[in-house]
Protein backbone atom coordinates (compact mmCIF):
# COMPACT_ATOMS: atom_id res chain seq x y z
CA MET A 1 11.27 18.68 -21.38
CA ILE A 2 8.66 17.09 -24.22
CA VAL A 3 4.94 17.38 -23.13
CA VAL A 4 2.98 14.65 -24.40
CA THR A 5 -0.96 14.71 -23.88
CA GLY A 6 -3.41 11.45 -23.77
CA ALA A 7 0.02 9.78 -22.46
CA ALA A 8 -2.23 7.19 -20.57
CA GLY A 9 -3.99 5.98 -24.01
CA PHE A 10 -2.83 4.07 -26.94
CA ILE A 11 -0.72 6.11 -29.02
CA GLY A 12 0.31 8.27 -26.09
CA SER A 13 1.61 5.68 -23.99
CA TYR A 14 3.45 4.10 -26.90
CA LEU A 15 4.99 7.15 -28.01
CA VAL A 16 6.53 7.59 -24.37
CA GLY A 17 8.31 4.32 -24.53
CA LYS A 18 9.63 4.92 -27.70
CA LEU A 19 10.56 8.28 -26.94
CA ASN A 20 12.43 6.00 -23.76
CA ARG A 21 13.84 3.96 -25.89
CA GLU A 22 15.66 6.74 -27.93
CA GLY A 23 16.74 8.40 -24.84
CA PHE A 24 14.55 11.02 -23.71
CA LYS A 25 13.75 10.89 -20.34
CA ASP A 26 12.52 14.19 -19.24
CA ILE A 27 9.13 14.01 -20.17
CA VAL A 28 5.74 15.35 -18.93
CA LEU A 29 2.48 13.38 -18.93
CA VAL A 30 -1.01 14.78 -19.45
CA ASP A 31 -3.93 12.90 -19.26
CA LYS A 32 -7.24 12.15 -16.70
CA TYR A 33 -5.90 9.33 -15.16
CA ASP A 34 -9.53 8.35 -14.14
CA ASP A 35 -9.22 4.95 -16.02
CA PRO A 36 -7.68 1.89 -14.03
CA LEU A 37 -7.27 0.23 -17.29
CA LYS A 38 -4.60 2.52 -18.63
CA PHE A 39 -2.61 2.55 -15.39
CA GLN A 40 -0.23 -0.25 -16.87
CA ASN A 41 0.15 1.88 -20.32
CA TYR A 42 2.48 4.06 -18.42
CA GLN A 43 3.66 2.43 -15.28
CA THR A 44 6.92 1.27 -16.64
CA LYS A 45 7.92 4.14 -18.74
CA THR A 46 10.14 7.19 -17.37
CA TYR A 47 9.16 10.19 -17.12
CA THR A 48 9.35 13.86 -15.20
CA GLU A 49 5.64 14.74 -14.29
CA MET A 50 2.25 13.43 -14.31
CA VAL A 51 -0.04 16.47 -14.80
CA ASP A 52 -3.84 16.20 -14.56
CA ARG A 53 -5.17 17.82 -18.08
CA ASP A 54 -7.69 19.98 -16.08
CA SER A 55 -4.49 21.35 -14.53
CA PHE A 56 -2.48 21.55 -17.23
CA PHE A 57 -2.70 25.10 -18.62
CA ASP A 58 -1.78 26.39 -15.05
CA TRP A 59 1.23 23.87 -14.68
CA LEU A 60 2.61 25.15 -18.45
CA GLU A 61 2.07 28.52 -17.34
CA ALA A 62 4.22 27.93 -14.05
CA ASN A 63 6.71 25.90 -16.40
CA GLU A 64 6.46 27.19 -20.02
CA GLN A 65 10.36 28.08 -19.99
CA PHE A 66 11.38 24.59 -19.19
CA VAL A 67 9.15 23.17 -22.28
CA GLN A 68 10.53 22.26 -25.54
CA MET A 69 7.53 20.84 -27.72
CA ILE A 70 4.11 19.90 -26.89
CA ILE A 71 3.06 16.57 -28.63
CA HIS A 72 -1.17 16.54 -28.50
CA LEU A 73 -2.46 12.83 -28.41
CA GLY A 74 -5.37 13.59 -25.87
CA ALA A 75 -9.02 13.38 -27.34
CA ARG A 76 -12.16 11.56 -26.73
CA THR A 77 -11.54 8.78 -29.23
CA ASP A 78 -15.31 6.77 -29.27
CA THR A 79 -16.46 6.84 -32.78
CA VAL A 80 -20.21 5.88 -31.78
CA GLY A 81 -20.47 8.48 -29.17
CA GLN A 82 -23.66 10.77 -28.56
CA GLU A 83 -22.51 13.55 -26.77
CA PRO A 84 -21.64 16.42 -28.97
CA GLU A 85 -20.64 18.62 -26.42
CA ILE A 86 -17.83 16.41 -24.72
CA TYR A 87 -16.49 16.11 -28.47
CA GLN A 88 -16.29 19.67 -28.80
CA GLN A 89 -15.11 20.65 -25.10
CA LEU A 90 -12.32 17.88 -25.40
CA ASN A 91 -11.17 17.50 -29.31
CA LEU A 92 -11.62 21.14 -30.03
CA LYS A 93 -11.88 23.61 -27.41
CA TYR A 94 -8.87 22.21 -25.83
CA SER A 95 -7.01 21.72 -28.82
CA GLN A 96 -7.44 25.20 -29.30
CA LYS A 97 -6.38 26.40 -26.33
CA ILE A 98 -2.97 24.17 -26.59
CA TRP A 99 -2.53 25.93 -30.35
CA ASN A 100 -2.98 29.45 -28.63
CA ALA A 101 -0.92 28.14 -25.73
CA CYS A 102 2.00 27.33 -28.29
CA ILE A 103 2.08 30.79 -29.77
CA GLN A 104 2.05 32.60 -26.35
CA TYR A 105 4.95 30.69 -25.11
CA GLY A 106 6.67 29.75 -28.68
CA LEU A 107 6.56 26.29 -28.66
CA PRO A 108 5.99 24.07 -31.65
CA LEU A 109 3.20 21.65 -31.59
CA VAL A 110 2.47 18.47 -33.27
CA TYR A 111 -1.30 16.99 -32.79
CA ALA A 112 -3.12 13.89 -33.56
CA SER A 113 -5.93 14.55 -36.55
CA SER A 114 -7.53 11.40 -37.71
CA ALA A 115 -8.37 9.76 -41.18
CA SER A 116 -11.92 9.60 -40.03
CA THR A 117 -12.47 13.14 -41.11
CA TYR A 118 -12.34 11.47 -44.43
CA GLY A 119 -15.96 10.53 -44.53
CA ASP A 120 -16.83 7.52 -46.97
CA GLY A 121 -13.66 8.70 -49.13
CA LYS A 122 -15.97 10.26 -52.06
CA LEU A 123 -13.29 13.25 -51.99
CA GLY A 124 -10.70 10.84 -51.82
CA PHE A 125 -7.44 10.87 -49.19
CA ASP A 126 -5.38 13.93 -50.05
CA ASP A 127 -4.14 16.06 -47.47
CA ASP A 128 -3.93 19.22 -49.88
CA HIS A 129 -4.83 22.19 -47.33
CA SER A 130 -7.33 23.46 -50.18
CA LEU A 131 -9.36 20.24 -50.09
CA ILE A 132 -9.78 19.59 -46.17
CA PRO A 133 -12.95 22.18 -45.47
CA GLU A 134 -14.86 20.11 -48.11
CA LEU A 135 -14.60 16.48 -46.56
CA GLN A 136 -17.80 15.11 -44.80
CA PRO A 137 -17.13 13.47 -41.53
CA LEU A 138 -19.37 10.43 -40.42
CA ASN A 139 -19.64 10.87 -36.78
CA LEU A 140 -18.96 13.01 -33.91
CA TYR A 141 -15.77 12.03 -33.30
CA ALA A 142 -14.49 12.33 -36.99
CA GLN A 143 -16.57 16.22 -37.02
CA SER A 144 -14.73 17.52 -33.98
CA LYS A 145 -11.40 16.66 -35.26
CA HIS A 146 -12.21 17.89 -38.94
CA ASP A 147 -13.36 21.23 -37.16
CA PHE A 148 -9.77 22.05 -35.57
CA ASP A 149 -8.03 20.80 -38.63
CA CYS A 150 -10.28 23.84 -40.36
CA TRP A 151 -9.82 26.16 -37.39
CA ALA A 152 -6.14 25.61 -37.44
CA LEU A 153 -5.91 26.55 -40.92
CA GLU A 154 -8.06 29.32 -41.04
CA GLN A 155 -5.70 30.93 -38.26
CA ILE A 156 -3.68 33.82 -39.20
CA GLU A 157 -1.40 33.56 -35.88
CA LYS A 158 0.21 30.11 -35.71
CA PRO A 159 2.70 28.17 -33.60
CA PHE A 160 6.32 28.76 -35.07
CA PHE A 161 6.22 24.92 -36.21
CA TRP A 162 3.02 22.89 -36.35
CA ALA A 163 1.76 19.51 -37.51
CA GLY A 164 -1.32 17.96 -37.82
CA LEU A 165 -1.22 14.60 -38.51
CA LYS A 166 -4.22 12.43 -39.68
CA PHE A 167 -3.59 8.92 -38.28
CA PHE A 168 -5.12 5.91 -40.47
CA ASN A 169 -6.25 2.73 -38.68
CA VAL A 170 -3.82 2.23 -36.13
CA PHE A 171 -3.00 -1.27 -34.39
CA GLY A 172 -0.40 -2.53 -31.82
CA PRO A 173 0.87 -2.43 -28.11
CA ASN A 174 -1.13 -0.33 -25.30
CA GLU A 175 -4.74 -0.37 -26.98
CA TYR A 176 -5.87 -3.09 -24.72
CA HIS A 177 -8.19 -0.66 -22.78
CA LYS A 178 -10.17 0.42 -26.40
CA ASP A 179 -12.65 -2.44 -25.61
CA ARG A 180 -14.83 -2.21 -29.42
CA MET A 181 -12.72 0.99 -30.39
CA ALA A 182 -9.46 -1.12 -30.08
CA SER A 183 -8.13 -2.41 -33.46
CA VAL A 184 -9.46 -5.31 -35.18
CA ILE A 185 -6.40 -7.15 -35.01
CA PHE A 186 -6.33 -6.95 -31.06
CA GLN A 187 -9.97 -7.93 -31.29
CA ALA A 188 -9.45 -10.70 -33.87
CA PHE A 189 -6.45 -12.30 -31.72
CA ASN A 190 -8.64 -12.48 -28.52
CA THR A 191 -11.65 -14.13 -30.54
CA ILE A 192 -9.74 -16.56 -31.94
CA ALA A 193 -7.47 -17.54 -28.84
CA GLU A 194 -11.35 -17.75 -27.16
CA THR A 195 -13.46 -19.55 -29.79
CA GLY A 196 -10.83 -20.80 -33.11
CA LYS A 197 -12.66 -18.50 -35.48
CA MET A 198 -13.44 -14.89 -36.30
CA GLU A 199 -16.46 -12.91 -37.75
CA LEU A 200 -16.15 -10.27 -39.59
CA PHE A 201 -18.86 -7.36 -40.51
CA ARG A 202 -20.75 -8.40 -43.38
CA SER A 203 -21.05 -5.38 -46.36
CA HIS A 204 -24.11 -3.54 -46.63
CA ARG A 205 -22.77 -1.98 -49.86
CA PRO A 206 -23.03 -3.46 -53.44
CA ASP A 207 -19.64 -2.56 -54.62
CA PHE A 208 -17.93 -4.25 -51.56
CA LYS A 209 -18.05 -8.20 -51.05
CA ASP A 210 -17.98 -9.49 -47.35
CA GLY A 211 -14.75 -9.12 -45.71
CA GLU A 212 -13.32 -6.81 -48.71
CA GLN A 213 -13.95 -3.49 -46.73
CA ALA A 214 -10.25 -2.01 -46.89
CA ARG A 215 -8.42 0.09 -44.62
CA ASP A 216 -4.53 2.06 -44.27
CA PHE A 217 -3.34 0.05 -41.60
CA ILE A 218 -0.45 1.32 -39.52
CA SER A 219 1.45 -0.05 -36.75
CA VAL A 220 1.62 2.65 -33.69
CA GLU A 221 6.02 1.86 -34.17
CA ASP A 222 5.65 3.63 -37.51
CA ILE A 223 3.00 6.20 -36.26
CA ALA A 224 6.16 6.93 -33.19
CA LYS A 225 8.91 7.08 -35.94
CA VAL A 226 6.77 9.66 -37.80
CA ILE A 227 6.10 11.87 -34.55
CA LEU A 228 9.70 11.55 -33.87
CA PHE A 229 10.91 12.93 -37.48
CA PHE A 230 8.37 15.85 -37.01
CA MET A 231 9.96 16.36 -33.39
CA ASN A 232 13.50 16.60 -35.08
CA HIS A 233 12.32 18.35 -38.74
CA ARG A 234 10.52 21.29 -37.31
CA LYS A 235 9.70 22.93 -40.71
CA ASP A 236 6.86 22.63 -43.13
CA SER A 237 4.38 23.22 -41.36
CA GLY A 238 0.67 21.79 -42.05
CA VAL A 239 -1.70 18.74 -41.98
CA TYR A 240 0.16 15.45 -42.91
CA ASN A 241 -1.33 12.11 -43.75
CA VAL A 242 -0.01 9.11 -41.72
CA GLY A 243 -0.83 5.63 -43.22
CA THR A 244 1.31 3.54 -45.44
CA GLY A 245 -0.18 4.33 -48.59
CA GLU A 246 -1.78 1.02 -49.09
CA ALA A 247 -5.41 -0.46 -48.26
CA ARG A 248 -5.58 -3.86 -47.37
CA THR A 249 -8.75 -5.66 -46.73
CA TYR A 250 -10.41 -7.16 -43.55
CA LEU A 251 -10.09 -10.59 -44.49
CA SER A 252 -6.39 -10.64 -45.35
CA LEU A 253 -5.64 -9.06 -41.91
CA THR A 254 -7.84 -11.78 -40.26
CA LYS A 255 -6.05 -14.44 -42.35
CA ALA A 256 -2.50 -12.55 -41.33
CA VAL A 257 -3.40 -13.19 -37.52
CA PHE A 258 -4.63 -16.39 -37.92
CA LYS A 259 -1.48 -17.10 -39.19
CA SER A 260 0.68 -15.08 -36.88
CA MET A 261 -1.19 -17.44 -34.23
CA ASN A 262 -0.53 -20.69 -36.17
CA LYS A 263 -4.01 -21.30 -36.51
CA PRO A 264 -6.15 -23.06 -39.42
CA GLU A 265 -8.21 -20.07 -40.60
CA LYS A 266 -12.27 -19.94 -39.97
CA ILE A 267 -13.92 -17.03 -40.94
CA GLY A 268 -17.59 -16.14 -40.62
CA PHE A 269 -19.78 -12.99 -41.17
CA VAL A 270 -22.12 -11.12 -39.18
CA ASN A 271 -23.92 -8.00 -39.96
CA THR A 272 -22.72 -4.42 -39.10
CA PRO A 273 -24.18 -3.04 -35.52
CA GLU A 274 -26.94 -0.72 -35.95
CA ASP A 275 -24.60 2.24 -34.46
CA LEU A 276 -22.17 1.53 -36.78
CA LEU A 277 -24.55 1.80 -40.41
CA GLY A 278 -24.07 5.24 -41.99
CA LYS A 279 -20.87 5.66 -40.25
CA TYR A 280 -18.66 3.28 -41.07
CA GLN A 281 -15.76 3.91 -43.81
CA TYR A 282 -15.40 0.96 -45.95
CA TYR A 283 -12.18 2.36 -47.63
CA THR A 284 -9.26 4.25 -46.63
CA CYS A 285 -6.09 4.76 -48.21
CA ALA A 286 -3.44 7.43 -47.52
CA ASN A 287 -1.94 9.75 -50.15
CA ILE A 288 1.49 10.45 -48.52
CA ARG A 289 3.24 12.19 -51.31
CA LYS A 290 3.25 15.47 -49.07
CA LEU A 291 4.86 13.37 -46.28
CA LYS A 292 7.76 11.75 -48.27
CA SER A 293 8.22 15.40 -50.18
CA ILE A 294 9.46 16.90 -46.72
CA GLY A 295 11.86 14.03 -46.38
CA TYR A 296 10.14 11.06 -44.45
CA ASP A 297 11.29 8.13 -46.28
CA THR A 298 11.77 5.57 -43.49
CA PRO A 299 9.94 2.24 -44.67
CA PHE A 300 6.42 1.20 -43.11
CA LEU A 301 5.71 -2.26 -41.93
CA SER A 302 3.52 -4.21 -44.08
CA LEU A 303 0.59 -5.37 -42.39
CA GLU A 304 1.76 -8.89 -42.21
CA GLU A 305 5.16 -7.49 -40.57
CA GLY A 306 3.12 -5.10 -37.84
CA ILE A 307 0.42 -8.43 -37.02
CA ASP A 308 3.28 -10.64 -36.92
CA ASP A 309 5.50 -8.47 -34.54
CA TYR A 310 2.49 -7.84 -32.51
CA VAL A 311 0.91 -11.22 -32.20
CA LYS A 312 4.30 -12.88 -31.15
CA ASN A 313 5.99 -10.40 -29.38
CA TYR A 314 3.41 -8.86 -27.26
CA LEU A 315 -0.40 -11.20 -27.48
CA ILE A 316 1.09 -14.66 -27.18
CA PRO A 317 3.82 -13.96 -24.63
CA ASP A 318 1.20 -11.60 -22.64
CA ASN A 319 4.04 -8.97 -22.79
CA ARG A 320 1.91 -6.49 -23.44
CA TYR A 321 3.24 -3.36 -22.39
């Protein structure tokens, strides 16, 4: 039995589908289930039980002997939220309880961290444990993820195997409920379909031209493959970057969306919203040497390959789940 928290969300629900395709059926979904927009994320999946987030630890106490692994993807993911107590409760304290439960019951743990913990990138994007405490996140979401990474590394008692995965910019099916937090690919597709054009954030830094802000974009399919690798690997515990190792500009991303939609390019620029100024990463690129060093050798989809699959196989045919 595999437990997936955040199972109604973007990466969690996609992972459940990936597990199903790989032959895993005995899966327990843990989430809040209070967002009707997420219903379609899991309605077609095969699973054993749905457990409410607030009753999960009682459920685990009664069923721990059946559980083989916990994959903890649940979190408050809004990067512009202004309620520190919610991030502390859901992203830090809840994760600490899961960590301690895995120790108590002898369970391996894979949890989601985030590349947002790297802040403005001035300290680089290296997942060396000695460097992680020095990182300076730019928003409450990133800070809460960073706080848990640091706490985990400080612990003397640890699950017998654990992996914290710093996901870079993830895109793909099942993100449709995320509104402004959805990937630029999804937003570009909808905007282009409606208006025939796309507007990107103007650069507010002299070292970046408009549209040349760059991120390490990674398909949710590749994220799921990495999680499956750790499910089977179960050694070399630690924090790992999970990205492609290549930074691509928002301009190249948008051009790829136009191409996959077979529409002429029409791209403009608008000022970055006030609530994002100072909290916006202009550049991210995963150093994935550590991940490769432990044997992960599956090639990542290129940005164009990932966009083409997403647009042509999910978004255009409206076969979204």
